[in-house]
Amino acid sequence: AARMHLAAVFLAQGKEGELADCLKGTERFIDEDAGFLRPNYLAFTTRAKLWNGDASAAREWLDQYFVNDSAMLEPYRIYQYFTTVRAYAALSELDKARDLAERLRKMGQDFRRPQDAAEAGALLAAILWAKGQKKEAQETLEAVLLEIQPLGFVRLIADEGAAVLPILKKIKARVAHADYAAGLKENYVNNIYLAAYGVSKQRAGILIGERAKPVKLSKQQKVMLELLSQGYSRDGIVKETGLAVTTIKSHVKMLYEKLDVNSAADAVLRARELGIIE
């Protein structure tokens, strides 16, 4: 167990050399004295691949003889279950991923294991967001953050990187409002957001397949995007297109929703990442 915790630290810190040495030592130990730990060891090594959306690793994991998500969940196998959720997500089997994540969250709550409940909640929120259930995703992740804020957990959420980043961005904006009074501390949310942003630059995330799906913009949304990329303000767009302010607001709002962004600068950046504009 200590070796796996150490490997998890190296993985989070991006120390690939130390991680490789640690895993070699762990594998020798398992081969010689602890074969019963192999499923959890494979769960760990597979999770590292799934954080980059490796579909072949997901299929290989789900084909393992010991992998199942039967009705009766066993707490000692929870690490394996989390890998199964991520495998379903990486293969875009979102209903299966959601159902298992919901059950894992309930199990974590029933057994008073806040770390497990929070990890399941973060995964559930990411899956709901990918399914287009954005309100439910935000509510789920907010509830998770309220639960773990007293414990100070950051990496537990941030390690999901790109999968939770757009949800954290929404929560961050909500908490920053002067009339917000639900209990989350702005500094805490910002710390998680910044850590998740850093992770998103290091690995693609479990839902890379979902994010890679083409974004379909209407003709007017494309016009709005092109003008925003040229630095036009709202008043400038009104003059350029002759459209009413309310019409422009509607097109821009839909554009932001399709790109999962909250500002013109982010819309242009995201569109360039997707190859919609140069």
C-alpha atoms as a PDB file:
ATOM      1  CA  ALA A   1       0.000   0.000   0.000  1.00  0.00           C
ATOM      2  CA  ALA A   2       2.839   2.398   0.875  1.00  0.00           C
ATOM      3  CA  ARG A   3       4.463   1.777  -2.518  1.00  0.00           C
ATOM      4  CA  MET A   4       1.222   2.582  -4.320  1.00  0.00           C
ATOM      5  CA  HIS A   5       0.736   5.794  -2.334  1.00  0.00           C
ATOM      6  CA  LEU A   6       4.274   6.830  -3.228  1.00  0.00           C
ATOM      7  CA  ALA A   7       3.627   6.023  -6.887  1.00  0.00           C
ATOM      8  CA  ALA A   8       0.474   8.155  -6.732  1.00  0.00           C
ATOM      9  CA  VAL A   9       2.531  11.085  -5.446  1.00  0.00           C
ATOM     10  CA  PHE A  10       5.062  10.698  -8.275  1.00  0.00           C
ATOM     11  CA  LEU A  11       2.231  10.485 -10.807  1.00  0.00           C
ATOM     12  CA  ALA A  12       0.582  13.664  -9.501  1.00  0.00           C
ATOM     13  CA  GLN A  13       3.917  15.496  -9.541  1.00  0.00           C
ATOM     14  CA  GLY A  14       4.753  14.342 -13.068  1.00  0.00           C
ATOM     15  CA  LYS A  15       7.999  12.696 -11.926  1.00  0.00           C
ATOM     16  CA  GLU A  16       8.096  10.015 -14.612  1.00  0.00           C
ATOM     17  CA  GLY A  17      11.523   8.592 -13.759  1.00  0.00           C
ATOM     18  CA  GLU A  18      10.746   8.155 -10.071  1.00  0.00           C
ATOM     19  CA  LEU A  19       7.320   6.752 -10.976  1.00  0.00           C
ATOM     20  CA  ALA A  20       8.808   4.151 -13.321  1.00  0.00           C
ATOM     21  CA  ASP A  21      11.343   3.018 -10.670  1.00  0.00           C
ATOM     22  CA  CYS A  22       8.642   2.831  -8.022  1.00  0.00           C
ATOM     23  CA  LEU A  23       6.352   0.763 -10.260  1.00  0.00           C
ATOM     24  CA  LYS A  24       9.168  -1.648 -11.126  1.00  0.00           C
ATOM     25  CA  GLY A  25       9.837  -2.213  -7.448  1.00  0.00           C
ATOM     26  CA  THR A  26       6.139  -2.649  -6.766  1.00  0.00           C
ATOM     27  CA  GLU A  27       5.759  -5.188  -9.564  1.00  0.00           C
ATOM     28  CA  ARG A  28       8.700  -7.233  -8.234  1.00  0.00           C
ATOM     29  CA  PHE A  29       7.160  -7.199  -4.763  1.00  0.00           C
ATOM     30  CA  ILE A  30       3.790  -8.365  -6.130  1.00  0.00           C
ATOM     31  CA  ASP A  31       5.369 -11.131  -8.225  1.00  0.00           C
ATOM     32  CA  GLU A  32       7.380 -12.429  -5.277  1.00  0.00           C
ATOM     33  CA  ASP A  33       5.159 -11.988  -2.255  1.00  0.00           C
ATOM     34  CA  ALA A  34       1.785 -10.380  -2.915  1.00  0.00           C
ATOM     35  CA  GLY A  35      -0.022 -11.654  -5.987  1.00  0.00           C
ATOM     36  CA  PHE A  36      -3.345 -10.730  -4.411  1.00  0.00           C
ATOM     37  CA  LEU A  37      -2.438  -7.038  -4.919  1.00  0.00           C
ATOM     38  CA  ARG A  38      -2.134  -7.351  -8.697  1.00  0.00           C
ATOM     39  CA  PRO A  39      -5.710  -6.188  -9.479  1.00  0.00           C
ATOM     40  CA  ASN A  40      -5.152  -2.965  -7.530  1.00  0.00           C
ATOM     41  CA  TYR A  41      -1.725  -2.527  -9.126  1.00  0.00           C
ATOM     42  CA  LEU A  42      -3.268  -2.898 -12.591  1.00  0.00           C
ATOM     43  CA  ALA A  43      -6.009  -0.468 -11.567  1.00  0.00           C
ATOM     44  CA  PHE A  44      -3.373   2.122 -10.724  1.00  0.00           C
ATOM     45  CA  THR A  45      -1.311   1.697 -13.898  1.00  0.00           C
ATOM     46  CA  THR A  46      -4.470   1.711 -16.018  1.00  0.00           C
ATOM     47  CA  ARG A  47      -5.751   4.874 -14.339  1.00  0.00           C
ATOM     48  CA  ALA A  48      -2.553   6.664 -15.333  1.00  0.00           C
ATOM     49  CA  LYS A  49      -3.276   5.768 -18.977  1.00  0.00           C
ATOM     50  CA  LEU A  50      -6.961   6.654 -18.727  1.00  0.00           C
ATOM     51  CA  TRP A  51      -6.097  10.157 -17.559  1.00  0.00           C
ATOM     52  CA  ASN A  52      -4.925  10.601 -21.153  1.00  0.00           C
ATOM     53  CA  GLY A  53      -8.095   9.076 -22.563  1.00  0.00           C
ATOM     54  CA  ASP A  54      -6.379   5.844 -23.705  1.00  0.00           C
ATOM     55  CA  ALA A  55      -9.276   3.854 -25.190  1.00  0.00           C
ATOM     56  CA  SER A  56      -7.198   0.695 -25.722  1.00  0.00           C
ATOM     57  CA  ALA A  57      -6.203   0.722 -22.029  1.00  0.00           C
ATOM     58  CA  ALA A  58      -9.894   1.127 -21.153  1.00  0.00           C
ATOM     59  CA  ARG A  59     -10.905  -1.887 -23.226  1.00  0.00           C
ATOM     60  CA  GLU A  60      -8.037  -3.969 -21.833  1.00  0.00           C
ATOM     61  CA  TRP A  61      -9.084  -3.094 -18.279  1.00  0.00           C
ATOM     62  CA  LEU A  62     -12.742  -3.990 -18.848  1.00  0.00           C
ATOM     63  CA  ASP A  63     -11.655  -7.351 -20.298  1.00  0.00           C
ATOM     64  CA  GLN A  64      -9.846  -8.341 -17.076  1.00  0.00           C
ATOM     65  CA  TYR A  65     -11.442 -11.371 -15.414  1.00  0.00           C
ATOM     66  CA  PHE A  66     -11.775  -9.613 -12.041  1.00  0.00           C
ATOM     67  CA  VAL A  67     -13.443  -6.452 -13.344  1.00  0.00           C
ATOM     68  CA  ASN A  68     -17.171  -6.149 -12.707  1.00  0.00           C
ATOM     69  CA  ASP A  69     -19.676  -3.637 -11.402  1.00  0.00           C
ATOM     70  CA  SER A  70     -22.145  -6.051  -9.829  1.00  0.00           C
ATOM     71  CA  ALA A  71     -25.022  -4.853  -7.673  1.00  0.00           C
ATOM     72  CA  MET A  72     -23.116  -5.592  -4.460  1.00  0.00           C
ATOM     73  CA  LEU A  73     -20.080  -3.298  -4.294  1.00  0.00           C
ATOM     74  CA  GLU A  74     -17.199  -4.413  -2.070  1.00  0.00           C
ATOM     75  CA  PRO A  75     -15.298  -1.576  -0.315  1.00  0.00           C
ATOM     76  CA  TYR A  76     -11.899  -3.300  -0.590  1.00  0.00           C
ATOM     77  CA  ARG A  77     -12.195  -3.137  -4.378  1.00  0.00           C
ATOM     78  CA  ILE A  78     -13.076   0.552  -4.576  1.00  0.00           C
ATOM     79  CA  TYR A  79      -9.818   1.486  -6.322  1.00  0.00           C
ATOM     80  CA  GLN A  80     -10.728  -0.971  -9.075  1.00  0.00           C
ATOM     81  CA  TYR A  81     -14.234   0.452  -9.345  1.00  0.00           C
ATOM     82  CA  PHE A  82     -12.890   3.976  -9.838  1.00  0.00           C
ATOM     83  CA  THR A  83     -10.744   2.696 -12.704  1.00  0.00           C
ATOM     84  CA  THR A  84     -13.825   1.041 -14.193  1.00  0.00           C
ATOM     85  CA  VAL A  85     -15.729   4.349 -14.094  1.00  0.00           C
ATOM     86  CA  ARG A  86     -12.850   6.046 -15.896  1.00  0.00           C
ATOM     87  CA  ALA A  87     -12.663   3.225 -18.443  1.00  0.00           C
ATOM     88  CA  TYR A  88     -16.368   3.585 -19.275  1.00  0.00           C
ATOM     89  CA  ALA A  89     -15.907   7.353 -19.586  1.00  0.00           C
ATOM     90  CA  ALA A  90     -12.880   6.992 -21.865  1.00  0.00           C
ATOM     91  CA  LEU A  91     -14.968   4.757 -24.146  1.00  0.00           C
ATOM     92  CA  SER A  92     -17.896   7.231 -24.053  1.00  0.00           C
ATOM     93  CA  GLU A  93     -20.094   4.667 -22.282  1.00  0.00           C
ATOM     94  CA  LEU A  94     -21.431   7.507 -20.194  1.00  0.00           C
ATOM     95  CA  ASP A  95     -24.574   5.877 -18.816  1.00  0.00           C
ATOM     96  CA  LYS A  96     -22.552   3.005 -17.356  1.00  0.00           C
ATOM     97  CA  ALA A  97     -19.982   5.451 -16.001  1.00  0.00           C
ATOM     98  CA  ARG A  98     -22.689   7.596 -14.402  1.00  0.00           C
ATOM     99  CA  ASP A  99     -24.494   4.661 -12.792  1.00  0.00           C
ATOM    100  CA  LEU A 100     -21.335   3.251 -11.219  1.00  0.00           C
ATOM    101  CA  ALA A 101     -20.146   6.691 -10.078  1.00  0.00           C
ATOM    102  CA  GLU A 102     -23.515   7.307  -8.384  1.00  0.00           C
ATOM    103  CA  ARG A 103     -23.271   3.988  -6.545  1.00  0.00           C
ATOM    104  CA  LEU A 104     -19.682   4.648  -5.491  1.00  0.00           C
ATOM    105  CA  ARG A 105     -20.629   8.069  -4.151  1.00  0.00           C
ATOM    106  CA  LYS A 106     -23.441   6.553  -2.093  1.00  0.00           C
ATOM    107  CA  MET A 107     -21.133   3.834  -0.786  1.00  0.00           C
ATOM    108  CA  GLY A 108     -18.541   6.416   0.231  1.00  0.00           C
ATOM    109  CA  GLN A 109     -21.207   8.388   2.075  1.00  0.00           C
ATOM    110  CA  ASP A 110     -22.739   5.300   3.726  1.00  0.00           C
ATOM    111  CA  PHE A 111     -19.339   4.083   4.966  1.00  0.00           C
ATOM    112  CA  ARG A 112     -18.294   7.627   5.978  1.00  0.00           C
ATOM    113  CA  ARG A 113     -15.348   7.670   3.601  1.00  0.00           C
ATOM    114  CA  PRO A 114     -15.314  11.323   2.493  1.00  0.00           C
ATOM    115  CA  GLN A 115     -12.345  10.916   0.161  1.00  0.00           C
ATOM    116  CA  ASP A 116     -14.047   8.111  -1.774  1.00  0.00           C
ATOM    117  CA  ALA A 117     -17.384   9.965  -1.816  1.00  0.00           C
ATOM    118  CA  ALA A 118     -15.655  13.081  -3.138  1.00  0.00           C
ATOM    119  CA  GLU A 119     -13.722  11.248  -5.868  1.00  0.00           C
ATOM    120  CA  ALA A 120     -16.921   9.556  -7.024  1.00  0.00           C
ATOM    121  CA  GLY A 121     -18.724  12.895  -6.938  1.00  0.00           C
ATOM    122  CA  ALA A 122     -16.061  14.601  -9.038  1.00  0.00           C
ATOM    123  CA  LEU A 123     -16.250  11.817 -11.625  1.00  0.00           C
ATOM    124  CA  LEU A 124     -20.051  11.945 -11.585  1.00  0.00           C
ATOM    125  CA  ALA A 125     -20.007  15.705 -12.162  1.00  0.00           C
ATOM    126  CA  ALA A 126     -17.614  15.336 -15.110  1.00  0.00           C
ATOM    127  CA  ILE A 127     -19.799  12.638 -16.655  1.00  0.00           C
ATOM    128  CA  LEU A 128     -22.995  14.660 -16.217  1.00  0.00           C
ATOM    129  CA  TRP A 129     -21.290  17.638 -17.860  1.00  0.00           C
ATOM    130  CA  ALA A 130     -20.228  15.471 -20.816  1.00  0.00           C
ATOM    131  CA  LYS A 131     -23.837  14.249 -21.148  1.00  0.00           C
ATOM    132  CA  GLY A 132     -25.022  17.855 -21.401  1.00  0.00           C
ATOM    133  CA  GLN A 133     -26.577  17.909 -17.902  1.00  0.00           C
ATOM    134  CA  LYS A 134     -24.618  20.988 -16.923  1.00  0.00           C
ATOM    135  CA  LYS A 135     -26.842  22.275 -14.130  1.00  0.00           C
ATOM    136  CA  GLU A 136     -26.769  18.876 -12.402  1.00  0.00           C
ATOM    137  CA  ALA A 137     -22.998  18.662 -12.957  1.00  0.00           C
ATOM    138  CA  GLN A 138     -22.403  22.028 -11.303  1.00  0.00           C
ATOM    139  CA  GLU A 139     -24.699  21.208  -8.382  1.00  0.00           C
ATOM    140  CA  THR A 140     -22.954  17.870  -7.865  1.00  0.00           C
ATOM    141  CA  LEU A 141     -19.460  19.314  -7.845  1.00  0.00           C
ATOM    142  CA  GLU A 142     -20.497  22.204  -5.597  1.00  0.00           C
ATOM    143  CA  ALA A 143     -21.878  19.692  -3.084  1.00  0.00           C
ATOM    144  CA  VAL A 144     -18.594  17.762  -3.225  1.00  0.00           C
ATOM    145  CA  LEU A 145     -16.531  20.900  -2.642  1.00  0.00           C
ATOM    146  CA  LEU A 146     -18.667  21.879   0.338  1.00  0.00           C
ATOM    147  CA  GLU A 147     -18.111  18.425   1.834  1.00  0.00           C
ATOM    148  CA  ILE A 148     -14.336  18.431   1.466  1.00  0.00           C
ATOM    149  CA  GLN A 149     -13.583  22.120   2.010  1.00  0.00           C
ATOM    150  CA  PRO A 150     -13.081  21.588   5.792  1.00  0.00           C
ATOM    151  CA  LEU A 151     -10.581  18.813   4.955  1.00  0.00           C
ATOM    152  CA  GLY A 152      -8.631  20.999   2.530  1.00  0.00           C
ATOM    153  CA  PHE A 153      -8.529  18.433  -0.306  1.00  0.00           C
ATOM    154  CA  VAL A 154      -7.351  19.956  -3.595  1.00  0.00           C
ATOM    155  CA  ARG A 155      -5.604  17.291  -5.693  1.00  0.00           C
ATOM    156  CA  LEU A 156      -8.513  14.891  -5.237  1.00  0.00           C
ATOM    157  CA  ILE A 157     -10.602  17.083  -7.557  1.00  0.00           C
ATOM    158  CA  ALA A 158      -7.856  18.809  -9.531  1.00  0.00           C
ATOM    159  CA  ASP A 159      -6.319  15.512 -10.702  1.00  0.00           C
ATOM    160  CA  GLU A 160      -9.272  15.036 -13.069  1.00  0.00           C
ATOM    161  CA  GLY A 161      -7.951  18.071 -14.951  1.00  0.00           C
ATOM    162  CA  ALA A 162      -9.770  18.906 -18.176  1.00  0.00           C
ATOM    163  CA  ALA A 163     -12.766  16.744 -17.245  1.00  0.00           C
ATOM    164  CA  VAL A 164     -13.735  19.038 -14.344  1.00  0.00           C
ATOM    165  CA  LEU A 165     -12.199  22.338 -15.487  1.00  0.00           C
ATOM    166  CA  PRO A 166     -15.307  23.829 -17.189  1.00  0.00           C
ATOM    167  CA  ILE A 167     -17.441  22.963 -14.146  1.00  0.00           C
ATOM    168  CA  LEU A 168     -14.925  24.541 -11.798  1.00  0.00           C
ATOM    169  CA  LYS A 169     -14.928  27.639 -13.991  1.00  0.00           C
ATOM    170  CA  LYS A 170     -18.712  27.955 -13.553  1.00  0.00           C
ATOM    171  CA  ILE A 171     -18.449  27.452  -9.790  1.00  0.00           C
ATOM    172  CA  LYS A 172     -15.573  29.922  -9.582  1.00  0.00           C
ATOM    173  CA  ALA A 173     -17.678  32.597 -11.301  1.00  0.00           C
ATOM    174  CA  ARG A 174     -20.655  31.877  -9.050  1.00  0.00           C
ATOM    175  CA  VAL A 175     -18.642  32.053  -5.830  1.00  0.00           C
ATOM    176  CA  ALA A 176     -17.068  35.356  -6.933  1.00  0.00           C
ATOM    177  CA  HIS A 177     -20.477  37.083  -7.037  1.00  0.00           C
ATOM    178  CA  ALA A 178     -21.081  39.534  -4.197  1.00  0.00           C
ATOM    179  CA  ASP A 179     -24.441  37.925  -3.328  1.00  0.00           C
ATOM    180  CA  TYR A 180     -23.071  34.365  -3.082  1.00  0.00           C
ATOM    181  CA  ALA A 181     -23.688  32.913   0.389  1.00  0.00           C
ATOM    182  CA  ALA A 182     -23.715  29.123   0.004  1.00  0.00           C
ATOM    183  CA  GLY A 183     -20.499  28.502   1.961  1.00  0.00           C
ATOM    184  CA  LEU A 184     -17.704  27.868  -0.504  1.00  0.00           C
ATOM    185  CA  LYS A 185     -14.619  30.020   0.001  1.00  0.00           C
ATOM    186  CA  GLU A 186     -13.407  31.831  -3.088  1.00  0.00           C
ATOM    187  CA  ASN A 187      -9.748  31.156  -2.303  1.00  0.00           C
ATOM    188  CA  TYR A 188     -10.375  27.422  -1.929  1.00  0.00           C
ATOM    189  CA  VAL A 189     -12.216  27.185  -5.255  1.00  0.00           C
ATOM    190  CA  ASN A 190      -9.522  29.234  -6.987  1.00  0.00           C
ATOM    191  CA  ASN A 191      -6.800  26.913  -5.675  1.00  0.00           C
ATOM    192  CA  ILE A 192      -8.585  23.857  -7.045  1.00  0.00           C
ATOM    193  CA  TYR A 193      -9.279  25.591 -10.362  1.00  0.00           C
ATOM    194  CA  LEU A 194      -5.645  26.604 -10.819  1.00  0.00           C
ATOM    195  CA  ALA A 195      -4.424  23.110  -9.921  1.00  0.00           C
ATOM    196  CA  ALA A 196      -6.915  21.525 -12.357  1.00  0.00           C
ATOM    197  CA  TYR A 197      -5.844  23.964 -15.060  1.00  0.00           C
ATOM    198  CA  GLY A 198      -2.223  22.901 -14.541  1.00  0.00           C
ATOM    199  CA  VAL A 199      -3.195  19.243 -14.792  1.00  0.00           C
ATOM    200  CA  SER A 200      -5.189  19.918 -17.983  1.00  0.00           C
ATOM    201  CA  LYS A 201      -1.985  21.132 -19.632  1.00  0.00           C
ATOM    202  CA  GLN A 202      -0.175  17.898 -18.713  1.00  0.00           C
ATOM    203  CA  ARG A 203      -2.738  15.301 -19.763  1.00  0.00           C
ATOM    204  CA  ALA A 204      -5.821  15.096 -21.958  1.00  0.00           C
ATOM    205  CA  GLY A 205      -8.281  13.742 -19.368  1.00  0.00           C
ATOM    206  CA  ILE A 206     -10.654  10.795 -19.312  1.00  0.00           C
ATOM    207  CA  LEU A 207     -13.273  12.505 -21.489  1.00  0.00           C
ATOM    208  CA  ILE A 208     -11.012  13.522 -24.365  1.00  0.00           C
ATOM    209  CA  GLY A 209     -13.207  11.486 -26.729  1.00  0.00           C
ATOM    210  CA  GLU A 210     -16.247  13.549 -25.783  1.00  0.00           C
ATOM    211  CA  ARG A 211     -14.413  16.867 -26.097  1.00  0.00           C
ATOM    212  CA  ALA A 212     -13.021  15.808 -29.469  1.00  0.00           C
ATOM    213  CA  LYS A 213     -16.511  15.548 -30.991  1.00  0.00           C
ATOM    214  CA  PRO A 214     -17.048  18.290 -33.575  1.00  0.00           C
ATOM    215  CA  VAL A 215     -18.763  21.472 -32.431  1.00  0.00           C
ATOM    216  CA  LYS A 216     -21.472  22.546 -34.862  1.00  0.00           C
ATOM    217  CA  LEU A 217     -21.986  26.289 -35.057  1.00  0.00           C
ATOM    218  CA  SER A 218     -24.756  28.085 -36.905  1.00  0.00           C
ATOM    219  CA  LYS A 219     -23.892  30.580 -39.639  1.00  0.00           C
ATOM    220  CA  GLN A 220     -24.554  33.521 -37.310  1.00  0.00           C
ATOM    221  CA  GLN A 221     -22.544  31.957 -34.467  1.00  0.00           C
ATOM    222  CA  LYS A 222     -19.602  31.615 -36.863  1.00  0.00           C
ATOM    223  CA  VAL A 223     -19.953  35.286 -37.776  1.00  0.00           C
ATOM    224  CA  MET A 224     -19.946  36.253 -34.092  1.00  0.00           C
ATOM    225  CA  LEU A 225     -16.859  34.118 -33.516  1.00  0.00           C
ATOM    226  CA  GLU A 226     -14.956  35.626 -36.433  1.00  0.00           C
ATOM    227  CA  LEU A 227     -15.729  39.148 -35.271  1.00  0.00           C
ATOM    228  CA  LEU A 228     -14.776  38.352 -31.676  1.00  0.00           C
ATOM    229  CA  SER A 229     -11.486  36.904 -32.919  1.00  0.00           C
ATOM    230  CA  GLN A 230     -10.826  40.222 -34.672  1.00  0.00           C
ATOM    231  CA  GLY A 231     -11.333  42.106 -31.409  1.00  0.00           C
ATOM    232  CA  TYR A 232     -14.779  43.559 -32.095  1.00  0.00           C
ATOM    233  CA  SER A 233     -16.777  44.733 -29.066  1.00  0.00           C
ATOM    234  CA  ARG A 234     -20.532  44.192 -28.815  1.00  0.00           C
ATOM    235  CA  ASP A 235     -21.173  47.712 -30.112  1.00  0.00           C
ATOM    236  CA  GLY A 236     -18.729  47.053 -32.938  1.00  0.00           C
ATOM    237  CA  ILE A 237     -20.586  43.880 -33.891  1.00  0.00           C
ATOM    238  CA  VAL A 238     -23.865  45.838 -33.940  1.00  0.00           C
ATOM    239  CA  LYS A 239     -22.394  48.356 -36.380  1.00  0.00           C
ATOM    240  CA  GLU A 240     -20.718  45.672 -38.513  1.00  0.00           C
ATOM    241  CA  THR A 241     -23.741  43.362 -38.834  1.00  0.00           C
ATOM    242  CA  GLY A 242     -26.702  45.698 -38.411  1.00  0.00           C
ATOM    243  CA  LEU A 243     -28.260  43.181 -36.011  1.00  0.00           C
ATOM    244  CA  ALA A 244     -30.083  44.159 -32.829  1.00  0.00           C
ATOM    245  CA  VAL A 245     -28.187  43.965 -29.530  1.00  0.00           C
ATOM    246  CA  THR A 246     -30.620  41.339 -28.225  1.00  0.00           C
ATOM    247  CA  THR A 247     -30.031  39.176 -31.313  1.00  0.00           C
ATOM    248  CA  ILE A 248     -26.266  39.448 -30.916  1.00  0.00           C
ATOM    249  CA  LYS A 249     -26.525  38.576 -27.218  1.00  0.00           C
ATOM    250  CA  SER A 250     -28.536  35.464 -28.109  1.00  0.00           C
ATOM    251  CA  HIS A 251     -26.044  34.277 -30.751  1.00  0.00           C
ATOM    252  CA  VAL A 252     -23.052  34.917 -28.495  1.00  0.00           C
ATOM    253  CA  LYS A 253     -24.707  33.126 -25.566  1.00  0.00           C
ATOM    254  CA  MET A 254     -25.311  30.019 -27.692  1.00  0.00           C
ATOM    255  CA  LEU A 255     -21.749  30.246 -29.028  1.00  0.00           C
ATOM    256  CA  TYR A 256     -20.353  30.271 -25.483  1.00  0.00           C
ATOM    257  CA  GLU A 257     -22.537  27.314 -24.480  1.00  0.00           C
ATOM    258  CA  LYS A 258     -21.394  25.210 -27.431  1.00  0.00           C
ATOM    259  CA  LEU A 259     -17.736  25.987 -26.717  1.00  0.00           C
ATOM    260  CA  ASP A 260     -18.117  25.594 -22.924  1.00  0.00           C
ATOM    261  CA  VAL A 261     -16.701  29.056 -22.222  1.00  0.00           C
ATOM    262  CA  ASN A 262     -17.724  32.239 -20.423  1.00  0.00           C
ATOM    263  CA  SER A 263     -15.884  35.010 -22.274  1.00  0.00           C
ATOM    264  CA  ALA A 264     -14.910  36.198 -25.737  1.00  0.00           C
ATOM    265  CA  ALA A 265     -11.222  35.529 -25.110  1.00  0.00           C
ATOM    266  CA  ASP A 266     -11.940  31.956 -24.004  1.00  0.00           C
ATOM    267  CA  ALA A 267     -14.262  31.427 -26.983  1.00  0.00           C
ATOM    268  CA  VAL A 268     -11.536  32.449 -29.428  1.00  0.00           C
ATOM    269  CA  LEU A 269      -8.941  30.301 -27.646  1.00  0.00           C
ATOM    270  CA  ARG A 270     -11.231  27.254 -27.568  1.00  0.00           C
ATOM    271  CA  ALA A 271     -12.200  27.709 -31.228  1.00  0.00           C
ATOM    272  CA  ARG A 272      -8.536  27.758 -32.206  1.00  0.00           C
ATOM    273  CA  GLU A 273      -7.878  24.612 -30.159  1.00  0.00           C
ATOM    274  CA  LEU A 274     -10.718  22.893 -32.056  1.00  0.00           C
ATOM    275  CA  GLY A 275      -9.519  24.179 -35.434  1.00  0.00           C
ATOM    276  CA  ILE A 276     -12.715  26.143 -36.065  1.00  0.00           C
ATOM    277  CA  ILE A 277     -10.700  29.297 -36.711  1.00  0.00           C
ATOM    278  CA  GLU A 278      -7.014  29.870 -37.346  1.00  0.00           C
END
